[in-house]
Amino acid sequence: MGLFFEINDLVLILDAKGRRYMFSLLEDGEFHCHAGIVAHNDIIGSQAGSSVESTKGTTFRLLSPTLSDYILKMPRGAQVIYPKDHGTIITYADIFPGARVLESGVGSGALSISLLRAIGPTGQLIGYELREDFAAQAQRNVIKYMGDDLAWNVEVRDIYEGIDETDLDRIVLDLPEPWNVVSHAEKALVPGGMIISYSPSITQAVKTREKLEDSNFGMASTFETLLRGWHIDGQAVRPDHRMVAHTGFLTVARLLSENTSANASDKILRRHK
């Protein structure tokens, strides 16, 4: 998307109260809301950051949606992993350009977009999704934001039954029972590869950690990300009354040598501290 809006571009419009609306631009299309009608033709050719008026005289600011904007506004078949957790997943699982990544529990495709941006054009993302309708919605969402020239393939299948791929660098899970994937992940990852799991419940995280401790994974850790905004208006400075607190627990671990158990590795690490 360039500096000027074109047909089929996504646009985010904001009114004076900060209400946001997102849609794709169509020739002769119209956006309808309580503040009147905005003609798409009045936006096409306009520069991002400029403004447009509705038929009722309401002024809207025109912007290209950020990834965060898109995730919060895009159609959903399943609940999404929220933006605050995306950066944590990318960083702590060390999702790097050129990586071969398996994502299971694709859902609505929100995290898939971040993963694709992180691995770049030289990487590969394989998606496993149990429900066909979720897989279809995820593909629509990702393609709408990123286009269709992607190193990405989504398969409708159950990861609990196994992983076909080998030599994977990373495995990313958003599943009810991630502990059932640990043994499959041991065979699918390269030595030193990493697994990261997103779980809403701490009991899910505990069961995952217990399974990891009896595997060839080590260096496991579990944590959550909290996001608190601040109100800043002149001398009035305070934390926002509302915050995005708990969304999920992240558990990350690394695959060690096949002849080194996680417990043995932990003992070695403790001995050298």
C-alpha atoms as a PDB file:
ATOM      1  CA  MET A   1       0.000   0.000   0.000  1.00  0.00           C
ATOM      2  CA  GLY A   2       1.484   3.341  -1.053  1.00  0.00           C
ATOM      3  CA  LEU A   3       1.020   6.859   0.259  1.00  0.00           C
ATOM      4  CA  PHE A   4      -2.253   7.233  -1.642  1.00  0.00           C
ATOM      5  CA  PHE A   5      -5.265   4.955  -1.275  1.00  0.00           C
ATOM      6  CA  GLU A   6      -6.165   2.746  -4.227  1.00  0.00           C
ATOM      7  CA  ILE A   7      -9.036   0.413  -5.061  1.00  0.00           C
ATOM      8  CA  ASN A   8      -8.955  -2.746  -2.869  1.00  0.00           C
ATOM      9  CA  ASP A   9      -6.771  -1.070  -0.218  1.00  0.00           C
ATOM     10  CA  LEU A  10      -7.787  -1.411   3.413  1.00  0.00           C
ATOM     11  CA  VAL A  11      -8.593   1.914   5.052  1.00  0.00           C
ATOM     12  CA  LEU A  12      -9.179   2.834   8.697  1.00  0.00           C
ATOM     13  CA  ILE A  13     -11.329   5.902   9.341  1.00  0.00           C
ATOM     14  CA  LEU A  14     -11.565   7.652  12.720  1.00  0.00           C
ATOM     15  CA  ASP A  15     -14.143  10.170  13.903  1.00  0.00           C
ATOM     16  CA  ALA A  16     -13.566  12.974  16.440  1.00  0.00           C
ATOM     17  CA  LYS A  17     -14.381  10.630  19.345  1.00  0.00           C
ATOM     18  CA  GLY A  18     -11.804   8.086  18.231  1.00  0.00           C
ATOM     19  CA  ARG A  19     -14.318   5.533  16.947  1.00  0.00           C
ATOM     20  CA  ARG A  20     -12.697   3.350  14.295  1.00  0.00           C
ATOM     21  CA  TYR A  21     -14.103   1.729  11.182  1.00  0.00           C
ATOM     22  CA  MET A  22     -12.205  -0.440   8.708  1.00  0.00           C
ATOM     23  CA  PHE A  23     -13.161  -1.540   5.209  1.00  0.00           C
ATOM     24  CA  SER A  24     -11.764  -2.266   1.748  1.00  0.00           C
ATOM     25  CA  LEU A  25     -12.115   0.394  -0.930  1.00  0.00           C
ATOM     26  CA  LEU A  26     -14.338  -0.407  -3.899  1.00  0.00           C
ATOM     27  CA  GLU A  27     -15.062   1.692  -6.963  1.00  0.00           C
ATOM     28  CA  ASP A  28     -18.414   3.452  -6.357  1.00  0.00           C
ATOM     29  CA  GLY A  29     -18.626   1.789  -2.931  1.00  0.00           C
ATOM     30  CA  GLU A  30     -20.140   3.425   0.156  1.00  0.00           C
ATOM     31  CA  PHE A  31     -19.580   3.182   3.908  1.00  0.00           C
ATOM     32  CA  HIS A  32     -22.701   3.744   6.023  1.00  0.00           C
ATOM     33  CA  CYS A  33     -22.796   4.586   9.735  1.00  0.00           C
ATOM     34  CA  HIS A  34     -24.733   6.780  12.184  1.00  0.00           C
ATOM     35  CA  ALA A  35     -22.662   9.797  11.059  1.00  0.00           C
ATOM     36  CA  GLY A  36     -23.732   9.528   7.438  1.00  0.00           C
ATOM     37  CA  ILE A  37     -22.369   8.009   4.252  1.00  0.00           C
ATOM     38  CA  VAL A  38     -18.762   8.135   3.098  1.00  0.00           C
ATOM     39  CA  ALA A  39     -18.220   7.528  -0.613  1.00  0.00           C
ATOM     40  CA  HIS A  40     -15.264   5.290  -1.365  1.00  0.00           C
ATOM     41  CA  ASN A  41     -14.498   7.411  -4.429  1.00  0.00           C
ATOM     42  CA  ASP A  42     -13.843  10.346  -2.075  1.00  0.00           C
ATOM     43  CA  ILE A  43     -11.106   8.299  -0.376  1.00  0.00           C
ATOM     44  CA  ILE A  44      -9.524   6.657  -3.429  1.00  0.00           C
ATOM     45  CA  GLY A  45      -6.593   8.838  -4.477  1.00  0.00           C
ATOM     46  CA  SER A  46      -6.438  10.551  -1.066  1.00  0.00           C
ATOM     47  CA  GLN A  47      -3.285  10.499   1.032  1.00  0.00           C
ATOM     48  CA  ALA A  48      -3.037   8.574   4.290  1.00  0.00           C
ATOM     49  CA  GLY A  49      -3.401  11.027   7.170  1.00  0.00           C
ATOM     50  CA  SER A  50      -5.819  13.284   5.292  1.00  0.00           C
ATOM     51  CA  SER A  51      -9.553  13.574   6.020  1.00  0.00           C
ATOM     52  CA  VAL A  52     -12.915  13.100   4.342  1.00  0.00           C
ATOM     53  CA  GLU A  53     -16.444  14.266   5.156  1.00  0.00           C
ATOM     54  CA  SER A  54     -19.606  12.188   5.301  1.00  0.00           C
ATOM     55  CA  THR A  55     -22.969  13.245   3.868  1.00  0.00           C
ATOM     56  CA  LYS A  56     -23.848  14.594   7.347  1.00  0.00           C
ATOM     57  CA  GLY A  57     -20.719  16.736   7.554  1.00  0.00           C
ATOM     58  CA  THR A  58     -18.813  14.457   9.939  1.00  0.00           C
ATOM     59  CA  THR A  59     -15.056  14.565   9.414  1.00  0.00           C
ATOM     60  CA  PHE A  60     -13.143  11.290   9.407  1.00  0.00           C
ATOM     61  CA  ARG A  61      -9.350  10.888   9.477  1.00  0.00           C
ATOM     62  CA  LEU A  62      -7.998   8.426   6.904  1.00  0.00           C
ATOM     63  CA  LEU A  63      -5.265   5.966   7.884  1.00  0.00           C
ATOM     64  CA  SER A  64      -3.793   2.670   6.769  1.00  0.00           C
ATOM     65  CA  PRO A  65      -4.640   0.095   9.475  1.00  0.00           C
ATOM     66  CA  THR A  66      -1.722  -1.195  11.522  1.00  0.00           C
ATOM     67  CA  LEU A  67      -1.486  -4.901  12.276  1.00  0.00           C
ATOM     68  CA  SER A  68      -2.970  -4.226  15.714  1.00  0.00           C
ATOM     69  CA  ASP A  69      -5.879  -2.328  14.131  1.00  0.00           C
ATOM     70  CA  TYR A  70      -6.484  -5.148  11.678  1.00  0.00           C
ATOM     71  CA  ILE A  71      -6.425  -7.909  14.290  1.00  0.00           C
ATOM     72  CA  LEU A  72      -8.992  -6.151  16.472  1.00  0.00           C
ATOM     73  CA  LYS A  73     -11.312  -5.393  13.535  1.00  0.00           C
ATOM     74  CA  MET A  74     -10.965  -8.419  11.246  1.00  0.00           C
ATOM     75  CA  PRO A  75     -13.684 -11.108  10.978  1.00  0.00           C
ATOM     76  CA  ARG A  76     -13.217 -13.935  13.473  1.00  0.00           C
ATOM     77  CA  GLY A  77     -14.115 -17.566  13.327  1.00  0.00           C
ATOM     78  CA  ALA A  78     -12.240 -18.269  16.553  1.00  0.00           C
ATOM     79  CA  GLN A  79     -10.867 -16.172  19.405  1.00  0.00           C
ATOM     80  CA  VAL A  80      -7.576 -14.517  18.503  1.00  0.00           C
ATOM     81  CA  ILE A  81      -4.255 -14.149  20.293  1.00  0.00           C
ATOM     82  CA  TYR A  82      -4.196 -10.415  21.031  1.00  0.00           C
ATOM     83  CA  PRO A  83      -1.463  -8.058  19.777  1.00  0.00           C
ATOM     84  CA  LYS A  84       0.195  -7.678  23.188  1.00  0.00           C
ATOM     85  CA  ASP A  85       1.194 -11.357  23.094  1.00  0.00           C
ATOM     86  CA  HIS A  86       2.422 -11.367  19.486  1.00  0.00           C
ATOM     87  CA  GLY A  87       5.660  -9.522  20.176  1.00  0.00           C
ATOM     88  CA  THR A  88       6.370 -11.713  23.202  1.00  0.00           C
ATOM     89  CA  ILE A  89       5.853 -14.891  21.170  1.00  0.00           C
ATOM     90  CA  ILE A  90       8.041 -13.661  18.301  1.00  0.00           C
ATOM     91  CA  THR A  91      10.833 -12.596  20.660  1.00  0.00           C
ATOM     92  CA  TYR A  92      10.885 -15.401  23.234  1.00  0.00           C
ATOM     93  CA  ALA A  93      10.479 -18.136  20.617  1.00  0.00           C
ATOM     94  CA  ASP A  94      13.096 -16.323  18.520  1.00  0.00           C
ATOM     95  CA  ILE A  95      11.091 -16.472  15.286  1.00  0.00           C
ATOM     96  CA  PHE A  96      13.735 -15.403  12.774  1.00  0.00           C
ATOM     97  CA  PRO A  97      13.864 -14.605   9.020  1.00  0.00           C
ATOM     98  CA  GLY A  98      14.074 -17.827   7.028  1.00  0.00           C
ATOM     99  CA  ALA A  99      12.728 -20.061   9.817  1.00  0.00           C
ATOM    100  CA  ARG A 100      10.552 -23.129   9.141  1.00  0.00           C
ATOM    101  CA  VAL A 101       7.650 -22.788  11.579  1.00  0.00           C
ATOM    102  CA  LEU A 102       4.647 -24.974  12.341  1.00  0.00           C
ATOM    103  CA  GLU A 103       1.633 -23.213  13.865  1.00  0.00           C
ATOM    104  CA  SER A 104      -1.156 -25.394  15.206  1.00  0.00           C
ATOM    105  CA  GLY A 105      -4.468 -23.860  16.199  1.00  0.00           C
ATOM    106  CA  VAL A 106      -4.491 -21.295  13.401  1.00  0.00           C
ATOM    107  CA  GLY A 107      -7.906 -19.977  14.465  1.00  0.00           C
ATOM    108  CA  SER A 108      -8.704 -16.695  12.698  1.00  0.00           C
ATOM    109  CA  GLY A 109      -5.144 -16.177  11.425  1.00  0.00           C
ATOM    110  CA  ALA A 110      -4.106 -13.241  13.617  1.00  0.00           C
ATOM    111  CA  LEU A 111      -0.852 -14.768  14.856  1.00  0.00           C
ATOM    112  CA  SER A 112      -0.184 -16.224  11.402  1.00  0.00           C
ATOM    113  CA  ILE A 113       0.261 -12.684  10.081  1.00  0.00           C
ATOM    114  CA  SER A 114       2.891 -11.860  12.715  1.00  0.00           C
ATOM    115  CA  LEU A 115       4.678 -15.152  12.102  1.00  0.00           C
ATOM    116  CA  LEU A 116       4.754 -14.576   8.344  1.00  0.00           C
ATOM    117  CA  ARG A 117       6.155 -11.094   8.812  1.00  0.00           C
ATOM    118  CA  ALA A 118       8.837 -12.459  11.153  1.00  0.00           C
ATOM    119  CA  ILE A 119      10.024 -15.330   8.923  1.00  0.00           C
ATOM    120  CA  GLY A 120       9.987 -13.172   5.787  1.00  0.00           C
ATOM    121  CA  PRO A 121       9.923 -14.365   2.164  1.00  0.00           C
ATOM    122  CA  THR A 122      12.685 -16.944   2.726  1.00  0.00           C
ATOM    123  CA  GLY A 123      10.894 -18.736   5.575  1.00  0.00           C
ATOM    124  CA  GLN A 124       8.060 -21.247   5.587  1.00  0.00           C
ATOM    125  CA  LEU A 125       4.930 -21.366   7.739  1.00  0.00           C
ATOM    126  CA  ILE A 126       2.831 -24.515   7.945  1.00  0.00           C
ATOM    127  CA  GLY A 127      -0.542 -24.272   9.663  1.00  0.00           C
ATOM    128  CA  TYR A 128      -2.530 -27.129  11.207  1.00  0.00           C
ATOM    129  CA  GLU A 129      -6.180 -26.343  11.976  1.00  0.00           C
ATOM    130  CA  LEU A 130      -8.754 -28.873  13.145  1.00  0.00           C
ATOM    131  CA  ARG A 131     -11.822 -27.022  11.832  1.00  0.00           C
ATOM    132  CA  GLU A 132     -12.246 -26.416   8.136  1.00  0.00           C
ATOM    133  CA  ASP A 133     -14.343 -23.268   8.639  1.00  0.00           C
ATOM    134  CA  PHE A 134     -11.673 -21.718  10.866  1.00  0.00           C
ATOM    135  CA  ALA A 135      -8.961 -22.588   8.335  1.00  0.00           C
ATOM    136  CA  ALA A 136     -10.945 -20.928   5.552  1.00  0.00           C
ATOM    137  CA  GLN A 137     -11.572 -17.764   7.590  1.00  0.00           C
ATOM    138  CA  ALA A 138      -7.913 -17.574   8.590  1.00  0.00           C
ATOM    139  CA  GLN A 139      -6.809 -17.761   4.965  1.00  0.00           C
ATOM    140  CA  ARG A 140      -9.232 -15.014   3.967  1.00  0.00           C
ATOM    141  CA  ASN A 141      -8.015 -12.768   6.792  1.00  0.00           C
ATOM    142  CA  VAL A 142      -4.311 -13.284   6.100  1.00  0.00           C
ATOM    143  CA  ILE A 143      -4.598 -12.872   2.333  1.00  0.00           C
ATOM    144  CA  LYS A 144      -6.701  -9.729   2.727  1.00  0.00           C
ATOM    145  CA  TYR A 145      -3.950  -8.114   4.806  1.00  0.00           C
ATOM    146  CA  MET A 146      -0.815  -9.580   3.202  1.00  0.00           C
ATOM    147  CA  GLY A 147      -1.768 -10.712  -0.306  1.00  0.00           C
ATOM    148  CA  ASP A 148      -1.590 -14.267  -1.626  1.00  0.00           C
ATOM    149  CA  ASP A 149       2.128 -14.538  -2.481  1.00  0.00           C
ATOM    150  CA  LEU A 150       3.054 -16.193   0.811  1.00  0.00           C
ATOM    151  CA  ALA A 151       5.211 -19.140   1.896  1.00  0.00           C
ATOM    152  CA  TRP A 152       2.245 -20.465   3.873  1.00  0.00           C
ATOM    153  CA  ASN A 153       0.136 -23.584   3.732  1.00  0.00           C
ATOM    154  CA  VAL A 154      -2.807 -24.477   5.973  1.00  0.00           C
ATOM    155  CA  GLU A 155      -3.857 -28.089   6.442  1.00  0.00           C
ATOM    156  CA  VAL A 156      -7.106 -29.232   8.040  1.00  0.00           C
ATOM    157  CA  ARG A 157      -5.821 -31.875  10.436  1.00  0.00           C
ATOM    158  CA  ASP A 158      -5.381 -32.885  14.078  1.00  0.00           C
ATOM    159  CA  ILE A 159      -1.839 -32.313  15.388  1.00  0.00           C
ATOM    160  CA  TYR A 160      -2.529 -34.669  18.298  1.00  0.00           C
ATOM    161  CA  GLU A 161      -2.308 -37.484  15.727  1.00  0.00           C
ATOM    162  CA  GLY A 162       1.193 -36.487  14.674  1.00  0.00           C
ATOM    163  CA  ILE A 163       3.383 -34.082  12.691  1.00  0.00           C
ATOM    164  CA  ASP A 164       4.451 -34.984   9.156  1.00  0.00           C
ATOM    165  CA  GLU A 165       7.112 -32.281   8.822  1.00  0.00           C
ATOM    166  CA  THR A 166      10.678 -32.691  10.049  1.00  0.00           C
ATOM    167  CA  ASP A 167      13.580 -30.279  10.506  1.00  0.00           C
ATOM    168  CA  LEU A 168      11.300 -27.567  11.846  1.00  0.00           C
ATOM    169  CA  ASP A 169      12.925 -24.626  13.620  1.00  0.00           C
ATOM    170  CA  ARG A 170       9.935 -23.630  15.744  1.00  0.00           C
ATOM    171  CA  ILE A 171       6.523 -24.990  16.771  1.00  0.00           C
ATOM    172  CA  VAL A 172       3.834 -22.560  17.971  1.00  0.00           C
ATOM    173  CA  LEU A 173       0.735 -23.942  19.695  1.00  0.00           C
ATOM    174  CA  ASP A 174      -2.659 -22.471  20.591  1.00  0.00           C
ATOM    175  CA  LEU A 175      -4.462 -25.641  21.667  1.00  0.00           C
ATOM    176  CA  PRO A 176      -6.528 -26.981  24.592  1.00  0.00           C
ATOM    177  CA  GLU A 177      -4.042 -29.822  25.293  1.00  0.00           C
ATOM    178  CA  PRO A 178      -0.554 -28.756  24.171  1.00  0.00           C
ATOM    179  CA  TRP A 179       1.075 -31.464  26.303  1.00  0.00           C
ATOM    180  CA  ASN A 180      -0.207 -34.024  23.774  1.00  0.00           C
ATOM    181  CA  VAL A 181       2.062 -32.477  21.128  1.00  0.00           C
ATOM    182  CA  VAL A 182       5.360 -32.671  23.057  1.00  0.00           C
ATOM    183  CA  SER A 183       6.335 -36.172  21.890  1.00  0.00           C
ATOM    184  CA  HIS A 184       5.523 -35.300  18.269  1.00  0.00           C
ATOM    185  CA  ALA A 185       7.497 -32.070  18.546  1.00  0.00           C
ATOM    186  CA  GLU A 186      10.595 -33.954  19.704  1.00  0.00           C
ATOM    187  CA  LYS A 187      10.688 -35.781  16.368  1.00  0.00           C
ATOM    188  CA  ALA A 188       9.757 -32.798  14.204  1.00  0.00           C
ATOM    189  CA  LEU A 189      12.143 -30.112  15.504  1.00  0.00           C
ATOM    190  CA  VAL A 190      15.813 -29.674  14.702  1.00  0.00           C
ATOM    191  CA  PRO A 191      18.147 -30.028  17.708  1.00  0.00           C
ATOM    192  CA  GLY A 192      18.002 -26.743  19.587  1.00  0.00           C
ATOM    193  CA  GLY A 193      14.615 -25.965  18.053  1.00  0.00           C
ATOM    194  CA  MET A 194      11.953 -24.332  20.196  1.00  0.00           C
ATOM    195  CA  ILE A 195       8.338 -24.935  21.132  1.00  0.00           C
ATOM    196  CA  ILE A 196       6.056 -22.232  22.516  1.00  0.00           C
ATOM    197  CA  SER A 197       2.530 -22.762  23.756  1.00  0.00           C
ATOM    198  CA  TYR A 198      -0.246 -20.248  24.504  1.00  0.00           C
ATOM    199  CA  SER A 199      -2.740 -21.410  27.160  1.00  0.00           C
ATOM    200  CA  PRO A 200      -5.544 -19.405  28.842  1.00  0.00           C
ATOM    201  CA  SER A 201      -5.467 -21.578  31.994  1.00  0.00           C
ATOM    202  CA  ILE A 202      -2.544 -22.087  34.383  1.00  0.00           C
ATOM    203  CA  THR A 203      -3.557 -25.741  34.793  1.00  0.00           C
ATOM    204  CA  GLN A 204      -2.914 -26.195  31.058  1.00  0.00           C
ATOM    205  CA  ALA A 205       0.515 -24.615  31.468  1.00  0.00           C
ATOM    206  CA  VAL A 206       1.301 -26.860  34.462  1.00  0.00           C
ATOM    207  CA  LYS A 207       0.406 -30.049  32.566  1.00  0.00           C
ATOM    208  CA  THR A 208       2.536 -28.868  29.638  1.00  0.00           C
ATOM    209  CA  ARG A 209       5.501 -28.239  31.918  1.00  0.00           C
ATOM    210  CA  GLU A 210       5.105 -31.688  33.516  1.00  0.00           C
ATOM    211  CA  LYS A 211       5.198 -33.305  30.078  1.00  0.00           C
ATOM    212  CA  LEU A 212       8.213 -31.229  29.035  1.00  0.00           C
ATOM    213  CA  GLU A 213      10.112 -32.331  32.145  1.00  0.00           C
ATOM    214  CA  ASP A 214       9.799 -35.973  31.038  1.00  0.00           C
ATOM    215  CA  SER A 215      11.031 -35.231  27.508  1.00  0.00           C
ATOM    216  CA  ASN A 216      14.171 -34.116  25.701  1.00  0.00           C
ATOM    217  CA  PHE A 217      13.112 -30.495  26.078  1.00  0.00           C
ATOM    218  CA  GLY A 218      14.827 -28.250  28.597  1.00  0.00           C
ATOM    219  CA  MET A 219      15.269 -24.631  29.660  1.00  0.00           C
ATOM    220  CA  ALA A 220      11.482 -24.349  30.006  1.00  0.00           C
ATOM    221  CA  SER A 221       9.812 -21.213  31.351  1.00  0.00           C
ATOM    222  CA  THR A 222       6.232 -19.998  31.777  1.00  0.00           C
ATOM    223  CA  PHE A 223       5.098 -16.374  31.969  1.00  0.00           C
ATOM    224  CA  GLU A 224       2.382 -13.914  30.974  1.00  0.00           C
ATOM    225  CA  THR A 225       2.392 -10.438  29.449  1.00  0.00           C
ATOM    226  CA  LEU A 226       0.408  -7.569  31.026  1.00  0.00           C
ATOM    227  CA  LEU A 227      -0.231  -4.297  29.209  1.00  0.00           C
ATOM    228  CA  ARG A 228      -1.184  -1.128  31.094  1.00  0.00           C
ATOM    229  CA  GLY A 229      -1.716   2.202  29.364  1.00  0.00           C
ATOM    230  CA  TRP A 230      -1.271   5.622  30.941  1.00  0.00           C
ATOM    231  CA  HIS A 231      -3.503   8.675  30.850  1.00  0.00           C
ATOM    232  CA  ILE A 232      -1.379  11.751  30.088  1.00  0.00           C
ATOM    233  CA  ASP A 233      -3.169  15.101  29.781  1.00  0.00           C
ATOM    234  CA  GLY A 234      -1.029  18.044  30.842  1.00  0.00           C
ATOM    235  CA  GLN A 235      -0.325  17.681  34.559  1.00  0.00           C
ATOM    236  CA  ALA A 236      -2.931  14.914  34.916  1.00  0.00           C
ATOM    237  CA  VAL A 237      -0.822  11.770  34.716  1.00  0.00           C
ATOM    238  CA  ARG A 238      -2.050   8.414  36.015  1.00  0.00           C
ATOM    239  CA  PRO A 239      -2.440   4.793  34.972  1.00  0.00           C
ATOM    240  CA  ASP A 240      -5.512   4.080  32.873  1.00  0.00           C
ATOM    241  CA  HIS A 241      -8.438   2.755  34.868  1.00  0.00           C
ATOM    242  CA  ARG A 242      -8.654  -0.217  32.522  1.00  0.00           C
ATOM    243  CA  MET A 243      -5.811  -2.446  31.333  1.00  0.00           C
ATOM    244  CA  VAL A 244      -5.290  -5.502  29.178  1.00  0.00           C
ATOM    245  CA  ALA A 245      -4.205  -7.860  31.911  1.00  0.00           C
ATOM    246  CA  HIS A 246      -4.286 -11.648  31.663  1.00  0.00           C
ATOM    247  CA  THR A 247      -4.981 -13.179  28.271  1.00  0.00           C
ATOM    248  CA  GLY A 248      -2.870 -16.329  28.370  1.00  0.00           C
ATOM    249  CA  PHE A 249       0.188 -18.097  29.748  1.00  0.00           C
ATOM    250  CA  LEU A 250       3.150 -18.688  27.455  1.00  0.00           C
ATOM    251  CA  THR A 251       5.366 -21.733  27.928  1.00  0.00           C
ATOM    252  CA  VAL A 252       8.586 -21.982  25.942  1.00  0.00           C
ATOM    253  CA  ALA A 253      11.251 -24.713  25.859  1.00  0.00           C
ATOM    254  CA  ARG A 254      14.212 -25.846  23.730  1.00  0.00           C
ATOM    255  CA  LEU A 255      14.891 -29.286  22.300  1.00  0.00           C
ATOM    256  CA  LEU A 256      18.154 -30.653  23.687  1.00  0.00           C
ATOM    257  CA  SER A 257      20.264 -33.640  22.678  1.00  0.00           C
ATOM    258  CA  GLU A 258      18.289 -36.885  22.396  1.00  0.00           C
ATOM    259  CA  ASN A 259      20.423 -38.514  25.082  1.00  0.00           C
ATOM    260  CA  THR A 260      19.984 -35.640  27.542  1.00  0.00           C
ATOM    261  CA  SER A 261      16.726 -35.490  29.479  1.00  0.00           C
ATOM    262  CA  ALA A 262      15.303 -32.178  30.605  1.00  0.00           C
ATOM    263  CA  ASN A 263      15.867 -33.141  34.250  1.00  0.00           C
ATOM    264  CA  ALA A 264      19.516 -34.013  33.596  1.00  0.00           C
ATOM    265  CA  SER A 265      19.995 -30.787  31.681  1.00  0.00           C
ATOM    266  CA  ASP A 266      18.502 -28.761  34.517  1.00  0.00           C
ATOM    267  CA  LYS A 267      20.929 -30.404  36.953  1.00  0.00           C
ATOM    268  CA  ILE A 268      23.847 -29.527  34.674  1.00  0.00           C
ATOM    269  CA  LEU A 269      22.678 -25.930  34.419  1.00  0.00           C
ATOM    270  CA  ARG A 270      22.288 -25.636  38.192  1.00  0.00           C
ATOM    271  CA  ARG A 271      25.740 -27.157  38.772  1.00  0.00           C
ATOM    272  CA  HIS A 272      27.347 -24.481  36.619  1.00  0.00           C
ATOM    273  CA  LYS A 273      25.573 -21.495  38.198  1.00  0.00           C
END
